[in-house]
mmCIF file of all heavy atoms, coordinates in Angstrom:
data_MODEL
# 
_entry.id   MODEL 
# 
loop_
_atom_site.group_PDB 
_atom_site.id 
_atom_site.type_symbol 
_atom_site.label_atom_id 
_atom_site.label_alt_id 
_atom_site.label_comp_id 
_atom_site.label_asym_id 
_atom_site.label_entity_id 
_atom_site.label_seq_id 
_atom_site.pdbx_PDB_ins_code 
_atom_site.Cartn_x 
_atom_site.Cartn_y 
_atom_site.Cartn_z 
_atom_site.occupancy 
_atom_site.B_iso_or_equiv 
_atom_site.pdbx_formal_charge 
_atom_site.auth_seq_id 
_atom_site.auth_comp_id 
_atom_site.auth_asym_id 
_atom_site.auth_atom_id 
_atom_site.pdbx_PDB_model_num 
ATOM 1   N N   . GLY A 1 1  ? -104.941 -46.273 2.471  1.00 0.00 ? 1  GLY A N   1 
ATOM 2   C CA  . GLY A 1 1  ? -105.653 -45.861 1.266  1.00 0.00 ? 1  GLY A CA  1 
ATOM 3   C C   . GLY A 1 1  ? -105.055 -44.660 0.570  1.00 0.00 ? 1  GLY A C   1 
ATOM 4   O O   . GLY A 1 1  ? -105.636 -44.142 -0.378 1.00 0.00 ? 1  GLY A O   1 
ATOM 5   N N   . ARG A 1 2  ? -103.888 -44.222 1.019  1.00 0.00 ? 2  ARG A N   1 
ATOM 6   C CA  . ARG A 1 2  ? -103.252 -43.056 0.393  1.00 0.00 ? 2  ARG A CA  1 
ATOM 7   C C   . ARG A 1 2  ? -101.750 -43.303 0.285  1.00 0.00 ? 2  ARG A C   1 
ATOM 8   O O   . ARG A 1 2  ? -101.114 -43.727 1.253  1.00 0.00 ? 2  ARG A O   1 
ATOM 9   C CB  . ARG A 1 2  ? -103.533 -41.802 1.215  1.00 0.00 ? 2  ARG A CB  1 
ATOM 10  C CG  . ARG A 1 2  ? -103.160 -40.544 0.476  1.00 0.00 ? 2  ARG A CG  1 
ATOM 11  C CD  . ARG A 1 2  ? -103.562 -39.299 1.215  1.00 0.00 ? 2  ARG A CD  1 
ATOM 12  N NE  . ARG A 1 2  ? -102.931 -39.305 2.515  1.00 0.00 ? 2  ARG A NE  1 
ATOM 13  C CZ  . ARG A 1 2  ? -103.373 -38.639 3.566  1.00 0.00 ? 2  ARG A CZ  1 
ATOM 14  N NH1 . ARG A 1 2  ? -104.465 -37.926 3.487  1.00 0.00 ? 2  ARG A NH1 1 
ATOM 15  N NH2 . ARG A 1 2  ? -102.741 -38.685 4.712  1.00 0.00 ? 2  ARG A NH2 1 
ATOM 16  N N   . ALA A 1 3  ? -101.192 -43.038 -0.876 1.00 0.00 ? 3  ALA A N   1 
ATOM 17  C CA  . ALA A 1 3  ? -99.786  -43.314 -1.160 1.00 0.00 ? 3  ALA A CA  1 
ATOM 18  C C   . ALA A 1 3  ? -98.851  -42.685 -0.129 1.00 0.00 ? 3  ALA A C   1 
ATOM 19  O O   . ALA A 1 3  ? -99.026  -41.537 0.273  1.00 0.00 ? 3  ALA A O   1 
ATOM 20  C CB  . ALA A 1 3  ? -99.422  -42.808 -2.553 1.00 0.00 ? 3  ALA A CB  1 
ATOM 21  N N   . PHE A 1 4  ? -97.896  -43.488 0.295  1.00 0.00 ? 4  PHE A N   1 
ATOM 22  C CA  . PHE A 1 4  ? -96.832  -43.054 1.209  1.00 0.00 ? 4  PHE A CA  1 
ATOM 23  C C   . PHE A 1 4  ? -97.350  -42.536 2.540  1.00 0.00 ? 4  PHE A C   1 
ATOM 24  O O   . PHE A 1 4  ? -96.775  -41.634 3.130  1.00 0.00 ? 4  PHE A O   1 
ATOM 25  C CB  . PHE A 1 4  ? -95.924  -42.006 0.551  1.00 0.00 ? 4  PHE A CB  1 
ATOM 26  C CG  . PHE A 1 4  ? -95.231  -42.533 -0.656 1.00 0.00 ? 4  PHE A CG  1 
ATOM 27  C CD1 . PHE A 1 4  ? -95.628  -42.142 -1.920 1.00 0.00 ? 4  PHE A CD1 1 
ATOM 28  C CD2 . PHE A 1 4  ? -94.201  -43.447 -0.545 1.00 0.00 ? 4  PHE A CD2 1 
ATOM 29  C CE1 . PHE A 1 4  ? -95.011  -42.640 -3.049 1.00 0.00 ? 4  PHE A CE1 1 
ATOM 30  C CE2 . PHE A 1 4  ? -93.574  -43.953 -1.665 1.00 0.00 ? 4  PHE A CE2 1 
ATOM 31  C CZ  . PHE A 1 4  ? -93.976  -43.545 -2.920 1.00 0.00 ? 4  PHE A CZ  1 
ATOM 32  N N   . THR A 1 5  ? -98.433  -43.099 3.017  1.00 0.00 ? 5  THR A N   1 
ATOM 33  C CA  . THR A 1 5  ? -98.890  -42.756 4.365  1.00 0.00 ? 5  THR A CA  1 
ATOM 34  C C   . THR A 1 5  ? -98.850  -43.998 5.233  1.00 0.00 ? 5  THR A C   1 
ATOM 35  O O   . THR A 1 5  ? -99.039  -45.106 4.755  1.00 0.00 ? 5  THR A O   1 
ATOM 36  C CB  . THR A 1 5  ? -100.325 -42.177 4.369  1.00 0.00 ? 5  THR A CB  1 
ATOM 37  O OG1 . THR A 1 5  ? -101.204 -43.089 3.724  1.00 0.00 ? 5  THR A OG1 1 
ATOM 38  C CG2 . THR A 1 5  ? -100.389 -40.832 3.678  1.00 0.00 ? 5  THR A CG2 1 
ATOM 39  N N   . GLY A 1 6  ? -98.578  -43.773 6.510  1.00 0.00 ? 6  GLY A N   1 
ATOM 40  C CA  . GLY A 1 6  ? -98.611  -44.859 7.467  1.00 0.00 ? 6  GLY A CA  1 
ATOM 41  C C   . GLY A 1 6  ? -97.375  -45.723 7.506  1.00 0.00 ? 6  GLY A C   1 
ATOM 42  O O   . GLY A 1 6  ? -97.389  -46.794 8.096  1.00 0.00 ? 6  GLY A O   1 
ATOM 43  N N   . ASP A 1 7  ? -96.278  -45.291 6.879  1.00 0.00 ? 7  ASP A N   1 
ATOM 44  C CA  . ASP A 1 7  ? -95.037  -46.054 6.940  1.00 0.00 ? 7  ASP A CA  1 
ATOM 45  C C   . ASP A 1 7  ? -93.844  -45.100 6.993  1.00 0.00 ? 7  ASP A C   1 
ATOM 46  O O   . ASP A 1 7  ? -93.986  -43.893 6.843  1.00 0.00 ? 7  ASP A O   1 
ATOM 47  C CB  . ASP A 1 7  ? -94.923  -47.038 5.774  1.00 0.00 ? 7  ASP A CB  1 
ATOM 48  C CG  . ASP A 1 7  ? -94.916  -46.375 4.405  1.00 0.00 ? 7  ASP A CG  1 
ATOM 49  O OD1 . ASP A 1 7  ? -94.582  -45.181 4.305  1.00 0.00 ? 7  ASP A OD1 1 
ATOM 50  O OD2 . ASP A 1 7  ? -95.232  -47.045 3.416  1.00 0.00 ? 7  ASP A OD2 1 
ATOM 51  N N   . ARG A 1 8  ? -92.657  -45.646 7.206  1.00 0.00 ? 8  ARG A N   1 
ATOM 52  C CA  . ARG A 1 8  ? -91.460  -44.807 7.368  1.00 0.00 ? 8  ARG A CA  1 
ATOM 53  C C   . ARG A 1 8  ? -91.111  -44.021 6.114  1.00 0.00 ? 8  ARG A C   1 
ATOM 54  O O   . ARG A 1 8  ? -90.657  -42.890 6.203  1.00 0.00 ? 8  ARG A O   1 
ATOM 55  C CB  . ARG A 1 8  ? -90.281  -45.670 7.806  1.00 0.00 ? 8  ARG A CB  1 
ATOM 56  C CG  . ARG A 1 8  ? -90.417  -46.101 9.229  1.00 0.00 ? 8  ARG A CG  1 
ATOM 57  C CD  . ARG A 1 8  ? -89.137  -46.729 9.730  1.00 0.00 ? 8  ARG A CD  1 
ATOM 58  N NE  . ARG A 1 8  ? -89.332  -47.133 11.106 1.00 0.00 ? 8  ARG A NE  1 
ATOM 59  C CZ  . ARG A 1 8  ? -88.900  -48.251 11.619 1.00 0.00 ? 8  ARG A CZ  1 
ATOM 60  N NH1 . ARG A 1 8  ? -88.210  -49.084 10.880 1.00 0.00 ? 8  ARG A NH1 1 
ATOM 61  N NH2 . ARG A 1 8  ? -89.132  -48.540 12.872 1.00 0.00 ? 8  ARG A NH2 1 
ATOM 62  N N   . SER A 1 9  ? -91.306  -44.622 4.942  1.00 0.00 ? 9  SER A N   1 
ATOM 63  C CA  . SER A 1 9  ? -90.988  -43.878 3.723  1.00 0.00 ? 9  SER A CA  1 
ATOM 64  C C   . SER A 1 9  ? -91.880  -42.645 3.619  1.00 0.00 ? 9  SER A C   1 
ATOM 65  O O   . SER A 1 9  ? -91.435  -41.577 3.204  1.00 0.00 ? 9  SER A O   1 
ATOM 66  C CB  . SER A 1 9  ? -91.130  -44.762 2.481  1.00 0.00 ? 9  SER A CB  1 
ATOM 67  O OG  . SER A 1 9  ? -92.462  -45.185 2.307  1.00 0.00 ? 9  SER A OG  1 
ATOM 68  N N   . GLY A 1 10 ? -93.134  -42.786 4.011  1.00 0.00 ? 10 GLY A N   1 
ATOM 69  C CA  . GLY A 1 10 ? -94.041  -41.646 4.007  1.00 0.00 ? 10 GLY A CA  1 
ATOM 70  C C   . GLY A 1 10 ? -93.650  -40.597 5.019  1.00 0.00 ? 10 GLY A C   1 
ATOM 71  O O   . GLY A 1 10 ? -93.702  -39.398 4.736  1.00 0.00 ? 10 GLY A O   1 
ATOM 72  N N   . ASP A 1 11 ? -93.242  -41.041 6.209  1.00 0.00 ? 11 ASP A N   1 
ATOM 73  C CA  . ASP A 1 11 ? -92.796  -40.082 7.223  1.00 0.00 ? 11 ASP A CA  1 
ATOM 74  C C   . ASP A 1 11 ? -91.652  -39.235 6.673  1.00 0.00 ? 11 ASP A C   1 
ATOM 75  O O   . ASP A 1 11 ? -91.635  -38.015 6.819  1.00 0.00 ? 11 ASP A O   1 
ATOM 76  C CB  . ASP A 1 11 ? -92.350  -40.801 8.497  1.00 0.00 ? 11 ASP A CB  1 
ATOM 77  C CG  . ASP A 1 11 ? -93.498  -41.503 9.205  1.00 0.00 ? 11 ASP A CG  1 
ATOM 78  O OD1 . ASP A 1 11 ? -94.668  -41.219 8.894  1.00 0.00 ? 11 ASP A OD1 1 
ATOM 79  O OD2 . ASP A 1 11 ? -93.192  -42.353 10.065 1.00 0.00 ? 11 ASP A OD2 1 
ATOM 80  N N   . PHE A 1 12 ? -90.699  -39.889 6.006  1.00 0.00 ? 12 PHE A N   1 
ATOM 81  C CA  . PHE A 1 12 ? -89.555  -39.177 5.428  1.00 0.00 ? 12 PHE A CA  1 
ATOM 82  C C   . PHE A 1 12 ? -90.006  -38.254 4.301  1.00 0.00 ? 12 PHE A C   1 
ATOM 83  O O   . PHE A 1 12 ? -89.610  -37.103 4.226  1.00 0.00 ? 12 PHE A O   1 
ATOM 84  C CB  . PHE A 1 12 ? -88.514  -40.183 4.916  1.00 0.00 ? 12 PHE A CB  1 
ATOM 85  C CG  . PHE A 1 12 ? -87.368  -39.535 4.214  1.00 0.00 ? 12 PHE A CG  1 
ATOM 86  C CD1 . PHE A 1 12 ? -86.350  -38.936 4.933  1.00 0.00 ? 12 PHE A CD1 1 
ATOM 87  C CD2 . PHE A 1 12 ? -87.315  -39.512 2.831  1.00 0.00 ? 12 PHE A CD2 1 
ATOM 88  C CE1 . PHE A 1 12 ? -85.285  -38.325 4.284  1.00 0.00 ? 12 PHE A CE1 1 
ATOM 89  C CE2 . PHE A 1 12 ? -86.271  -38.902 2.169  1.00 0.00 ? 12 PHE A CE2 1 
ATOM 90  C CZ  . PHE A 1 12 ? -85.240  -38.308 2.903  1.00 0.00 ? 12 PHE A CZ  1 
ATOM 91  N N   . LEU A 1 13 ? -90.850  -38.789 3.418  1.00 0.00 ? 13 LEU A N   1 
ATOM 92  C CA  . LEU A 1 13 ? -91.306  -38.011 2.268  1.00 0.00 ? 13 LEU A CA  1 
ATOM 93  C C   . LEU A 1 13 ? -92.058  -36.755 2.704  1.00 0.00 ? 13 LEU A C   1 
ATOM 94  O O   . LEU A 1 13 ? -91.760  -35.658 2.241  1.00 0.00 ? 13 LEU A O   1 
ATOM 95  C CB  . LEU A 1 13 ? -92.203  -38.868 1.369  1.00 0.00 ? 13 LEU A CB  1 
ATOM 96  C CG  . LEU A 1 13 ? -92.819  -38.140 0.181  1.00 0.00 ? 13 LEU A CG  1 
ATOM 97  C CD1 . LEU A 1 13 ? -91.752  -37.698 -0.805 1.00 0.00 ? 13 LEU A CD1 1 
ATOM 98  C CD2 . LEU A 1 13 ? -93.826  -39.046 -0.508 1.00 0.00 ? 13 LEU A CD2 1 
ATOM 99  N N   . TYR A 1 14 ? -93.019  -36.912 3.602  1.00 0.00 ? 14 TYR A N   1 
ATOM 100 C CA  . TYR A 1 14 ? -93.809  -35.754 4.007  1.00 0.00 ? 14 TYR A CA  1 
ATOM 101 C C   . TYR A 1 14 ? -92.976  -34.754 4.810  1.00 0.00 ? 14 TYR A C   1 
ATOM 102 O O   . TYR A 1 14 ? -93.167  -33.547 4.684  1.00 0.00 ? 14 TYR A O   1 
ATOM 103 C CB  . TYR A 1 14 ? -95.073  -36.190 4.749  1.00 0.00 ? 14 TYR A CB  1 
ATOM 104 C CG  . TYR A 1 14 ? -96.008  -36.911 3.808  1.00 0.00 ? 14 TYR A CG  1 
ATOM 105 C CD1 . TYR A 1 14 ? -96.263  -38.268 3.934  1.00 0.00 ? 14 TYR A CD1 1 
ATOM 106 C CD2 . TYR A 1 14 ? -96.594  -36.243 2.746  1.00 0.00 ? 14 TYR A CD2 1 
ATOM 107 C CE1 . TYR A 1 14 ? -97.077  -38.931 3.040  1.00 0.00 ? 14 TYR A CE1 1 
ATOM 108 C CE2 . TYR A 1 14 ? -97.409  -36.902 1.842  1.00 0.00 ? 14 TYR A CE2 1 
ATOM 109 C CZ  . TYR A 1 14 ? -97.652  -38.247 1.997  1.00 0.00 ? 14 TYR A CZ  1 
ATOM 110 O OH  . TYR A 1 14 ? -98.454  -38.888 1.097  1.00 0.00 ? 14 TYR A OH  1 
ATOM 111 N N   . ALA A 1 15 ? -92.028  -35.230 5.586  1.00 0.00 ? 15 ALA A N   1 
ATOM 112 C CA  . ALA A 1 15 ? -91.129  -34.315 6.291  1.00 0.00 ? 15 ALA A CA  1 
ATOM 113 C C   . ALA A 1 15 ? -90.301  -33.528 5.283  1.00 0.00 ? 15 ALA A C   1 
ATOM 114 O O   . ALA A 1 15 ? -90.069  -32.322 5.450  1.00 0.00 ? 15 ALA A O   1 
ATOM 115 C CB  . ALA A 1 15 ? -90.228  -35.082 7.253  1.00 0.00 ? 15 ALA A CB  1 
ATOM 116 N N   . SER A 1 16 ? -89.863  -34.190 4.208  1.00 0.00 ? 16 SER A N   1 
ATOM 117 C CA  . SER A 1 16 ? -89.063  -33.493 3.199  1.00 0.00 ? 16 SER A CA  1 
ATOM 118 C C   . SER A 1 16 ? -89.898  -32.480 2.420  1.00 0.00 ? 16 SER A C   1 
ATOM 119 O O   . SER A 1 16 ? -89.362  -31.529 1.861  1.00 0.00 ? 16 SER A O   1 
ATOM 120 C CB  . SER A 1 16 ? -88.397  -34.481 2.253  1.00 0.00 ? 16 SER A CB  1 
ATOM 121 O OG  . SER A 1 16 ? -89.338  -35.102 1.420  1.00 0.00 ? 16 SER A OG  1 
ATOM 122 N N   . LEU A 1 17 ? -91.198  -32.675 2.372  1.00 0.00 ? 17 LEU A N   1 
ATOM 123 C CA  . LEU A 1 17 ? -92.090  -31.696 1.737  1.00 0.00 ? 17 LEU A CA  1 
ATOM 124 C C   . LEU A 1 17 ? -92.428  -30.556 2.705  1.00 0.00 ? 17 LEU A C   1 
ATOM 125 O O   . LEU A 1 17 ? -93.230  -29.686 2.377  1.00 0.00 ? 17 LEU A O   1 
ATOM 126 C CB  . LEU A 1 17 ? -93.383  -32.365 1.263  1.00 0.00 ? 17 LEU A CB  1 
ATOM 127 C CG  . LEU A 1 17 ? -93.244  -33.336 0.098  1.00 0.00 ? 17 LEU A CG  1 
ATOM 128 C CD1 . LEU A 1 17 ? -94.560  -34.061 -0.146 1.00 0.00 ? 17 LEU A CD1 1 
ATOM 129 C CD2 . LEU A 1 17 ? -92.790  -32.605 -1.151 1.00 0.00 ? 17 LEU A CD2 1 
ATOM 130 N N   . GLN A 1 18 ? -91.850  -30.615 3.886  1.00 0.00 ? 18 GLN A N   1 
ATOM 131 C CA  . GLN A 1 18 ? -92.015  -29.601 4.928  1.00 0.00 ? 18 GLN A CA  1 
ATOM 132 C C   . GLN A 1 18 ? -93.447  -29.470 5.402  1.00 0.00 ? 18 GLN A C   1 
ATOM 133 O O   . GLN A 1 18 ? -93.969  -28.374 5.585  1.00 0.00 ? 18 GLN A O   1 
ATOM 134 C CB  . GLN A 1 18 ? -91.470  -28.254 4.451  1.00 0.00 ? 18 GLN A CB  1 
ATOM 135 C CG  . GLN A 1 18 ? -90.002  -28.318 4.142  1.00 0.00 ? 18 GLN A CG  1 
ATOM 136 C CD  . GLN A 1 18 ? -89.449  -26.986 3.736  1.00 0.00 ? 18 GLN A CD  1 
ATOM 137 O OE1 . GLN A 1 18 ? -90.079  -25.957 3.897  1.00 0.00 ? 18 GLN A OE1 1 
ATOM 138 N NE2 . GLN A 1 18 ? -88.248  -27.002 3.204  1.00 0.00 ? 18 GLN A NE2 1 
ATOM 139 N N   . LEU A 1 19 ? -94.063  -30.596 5.616  1.00 0.00 ? 19 LEU A N   1 
ATOM 140 C CA  . LEU A 1 19 ? -95.394  -30.605 6.200  1.00 0.00 ? 19 LEU A CA  1 
ATOM 141 C C   . LEU A 1 19 ? -95.227  -30.737 7.704  1.00 0.00 ? 19 LEU A C   1 
ATOM 142 O O   . LEU A 1 19 ? -94.455  -31.563 8.172  1.00 0.00 ? 19 LEU A O   1 
ATOM 143 C CB  . LEU A 1 19 ? -96.218  -31.770 5.661  1.00 0.00 ? 19 LEU A CB  1 
ATOM 144 C CG  . LEU A 1 19 ? -96.474  -31.717 4.162  1.00 0.00 ? 19 LEU A CG  1 
ATOM 145 C CD1 . LEU A 1 19 ? -97.148  -32.987 3.702  1.00 0.00 ? 19 LEU A CD1 1 
ATOM 146 C CD2 . LEU A 1 19 ? -97.324  -30.526 3.815  1.00 0.00 ? 19 LEU A CD2 1 
ATOM 147 N N   . TYR A 1 20 ? -95.948  -29.952 8.450  1.00 0.00 ? 20 TYR A N   1 
ATOM 148 C CA  . TYR A 1 20 ? -95.810  -29.962 9.897  1.00 0.00 ? 20 TYR A CA  1 
ATOM 149 C C   . TYR A 1 20 ? -97.105  -30.431 10.534 1.00 0.00 ? 20 TYR A C   1 
ATOM 150 O O   . TYR A 1 20 ? -98.146  -30.424 9.920  1.00 0.00 ? 20 TYR A O   1 
ATOM 151 C CB  . TYR A 1 20 ? -95.449  -28.560 10.396 1.00 0.00 ? 20 TYR A CB  1 
ATOM 152 C CG  . TYR A 1 20 ? -94.159  -28.081 9.800  1.00 0.00 ? 20 TYR A CG  1 
ATOM 153 C CD1 . TYR A 1 20 ? -94.139  -27.254 8.685  1.00 0.00 ? 20 TYR A CD1 1 
ATOM 154 C CD2 . TYR A 1 20 ? -92.945  -28.507 10.318 1.00 0.00 ? 20 TYR A CD2 1 
ATOM 155 C CE1 . TYR A 1 20 ? -92.959  -26.839 8.128  1.00 0.00 ? 20 TYR A CE1 1 
ATOM 156 C CE2 . TYR A 1 20 ? -91.755  -28.107 9.767  1.00 0.00 ? 20 TYR A CE2 1 
ATOM 157 C CZ  . TYR A 1 20 ? -91.758  -27.260 8.667  1.00 0.00 ? 20 TYR A CZ  1 
ATOM 158 O OH  . TYR A 1 20 ? -90.578  -26.873 8.118  1.00 0.00 ? 20 TYR A OH  1 
ATOM 159 N N   . GLY A 1 21 ? -97.005  -30.811 11.778 1.00 0.00 ? 21 GLY A N   1 
ATOM 160 C CA  . GLY A 1 21 ? -98.182  -31.262 12.501 1.00 0.00 ? 21 GLY A CA  1 
ATOM 161 C C   . GLY A 1 21 ? -98.201  -32.768 12.585 1.00 0.00 ? 21 GLY A C   1 
ATOM 162 O O   . GLY A 1 21 ? -97.163  -33.417 12.629 1.00 0.00 ? 21 GLY A O   1 
ATOM 163 N N   . GLU A 1 22 ? -99.368  -33.319 12.569 1.00 0.00 ? 22 GLU A N   1 
ATOM 164 C CA  . GLU A 1 22 ? -99.525  -34.762 12.721 1.00 0.00 ? 22 GLU A CA  1 
ATOM 165 C C   . GLU A 1 22 ? -98.986  -35.491 11.488 1.00 0.00 ? 22 GLU A C   1 
ATOM 166 O O   . GLU A 1 22 ? -99.059  -34.978 10.384 1.00 0.00 ? 22 GLU A O   1 
ATOM 167 C CB  . GLU A 1 22 ? -101.005 -35.106 12.910 1.00 0.00 ? 22 GLU A CB  1 
ATOM 168 C CG  . GLU A 1 22 ? -101.589 -34.574 14.189 1.00 0.00 ? 22 GLU A CG  1 
ATOM 169 C CD  . GLU A 1 22 ? -100.893 -35.109 15.424 1.00 0.00 ? 22 GLU A CD  1 
ATOM 170 O OE1 . GLU A 1 22 ? -100.672 -36.326 15.505 1.00 0.00 ? 22 GLU A OE1 1 
ATOM 171 O OE2 . GLU A 1 22 ? -100.549 -34.298 16.303 1.00 0.00 ? 22 GLU A OE2 1 
ATOM 172 N N   . PRO A 1 23 ? -98.454  -36.700 11.681 1.00 0.00 ? 23 PRO A N   1 
ATOM 173 C CA  . PRO A 1 23 ? -97.977  -37.466 10.526 1.00 0.00 ? 23 PRO A CA  1 
ATOM 174 C C   . PRO A 1 23 ? -99.123  -37.834 9.592  1.00 0.00 ? 23 PRO A C   1 
ATOM 175 O O   . PRO A 1 23 ? -100.269 -37.900 10.006 1.00 0.00 ? 23 PRO A O   1 
ATOM 176 C CB  . PRO A 1 23 ? -97.373  -38.729 11.139 1.00 0.00 ? 23 PRO A CB  1 
ATOM 177 C CG  . PRO A 1 23 ? -97.500  -38.610 12.607 1.00 0.00 ? 23 PRO A CG  1 
ATOM 178 C CD  . PRO A 1 23 ? -98.275  -37.381 12.941 1.00 0.00 ? 23 PRO A CD  1 
ATOM 179 N N   . ALA A 1 24 ? -98.781  -38.079 8.331  1.00 0.00 ? 24 ALA A N   1 
ATOM 180 C CA  . ALA A 1 24 ? -99.763  -38.510 7.349  1.00 0.00 ? 24 ALA A CA  1 
ATOM 181 C C   . ALA A 1 24 ? -100.067 -39.976 7.602  1.00 0.00 ? 24 ALA A C   1 
ATOM 182 O O   . ALA A 1 24 ? -99.228  -40.830 7.389  1.00 0.00 ? 24 ALA A O   1 
ATOM 183 C CB  . ALA A 1 24 ? -99.209  -38.302 5.942  1.00 0.00 ? 24 ALA A CB  1 
ATOM 184 N N   . GLU A 1 25 ? -101.274 -40.262 8.087  1.00 0.00 ? 25 GLU A N   1 
ATOM 185 C CA  . GLU A 1 25 ? -101.583 -41.616 8.529  1.00 0.00 ? 25 GLU A CA  1 
ATOM 186 C C   . GLU A 1 25 ? -102.845 -42.223 7.956  1.00 0.00 ? 25 GLU A C   1 
ATOM 187 O O   . GLU A 1 25 ? -103.056 -43.416 8.084  1.00 0.00 ? 25 GLU A O   1 
ATOM 188 C CB  . GLU A 1 25 ? -101.671 -41.651 10.056 1.00 0.00 ? 25 GLU A CB  1 
ATOM 189 C CG  . GLU A 1 25 ? -100.345 -41.341 10.710 1.00 0.00 ? 25 GLU A CG  1 
ATOM 190 C CD  . GLU A 1 25 ? -100.439 -41.362 12.225 1.00 0.00 ? 25 GLU A CD  1 
ATOM 191 O OE1 . GLU A 1 25 ? -101.547 -41.257 12.756 1.00 0.00 ? 25 GLU A OE1 1 
ATOM 192 O OE2 . GLU A 1 25 ? -99.378  -41.476 12.857 1.00 0.00 ? 25 GLU A OE2 1 
# 
């Protein structure tokens, strides 16, 4: 229900935004 969460592209995107902790899922 949220853009770029729960898939590999989201993992890459959120890591590049320097978000730490649990993945966006």
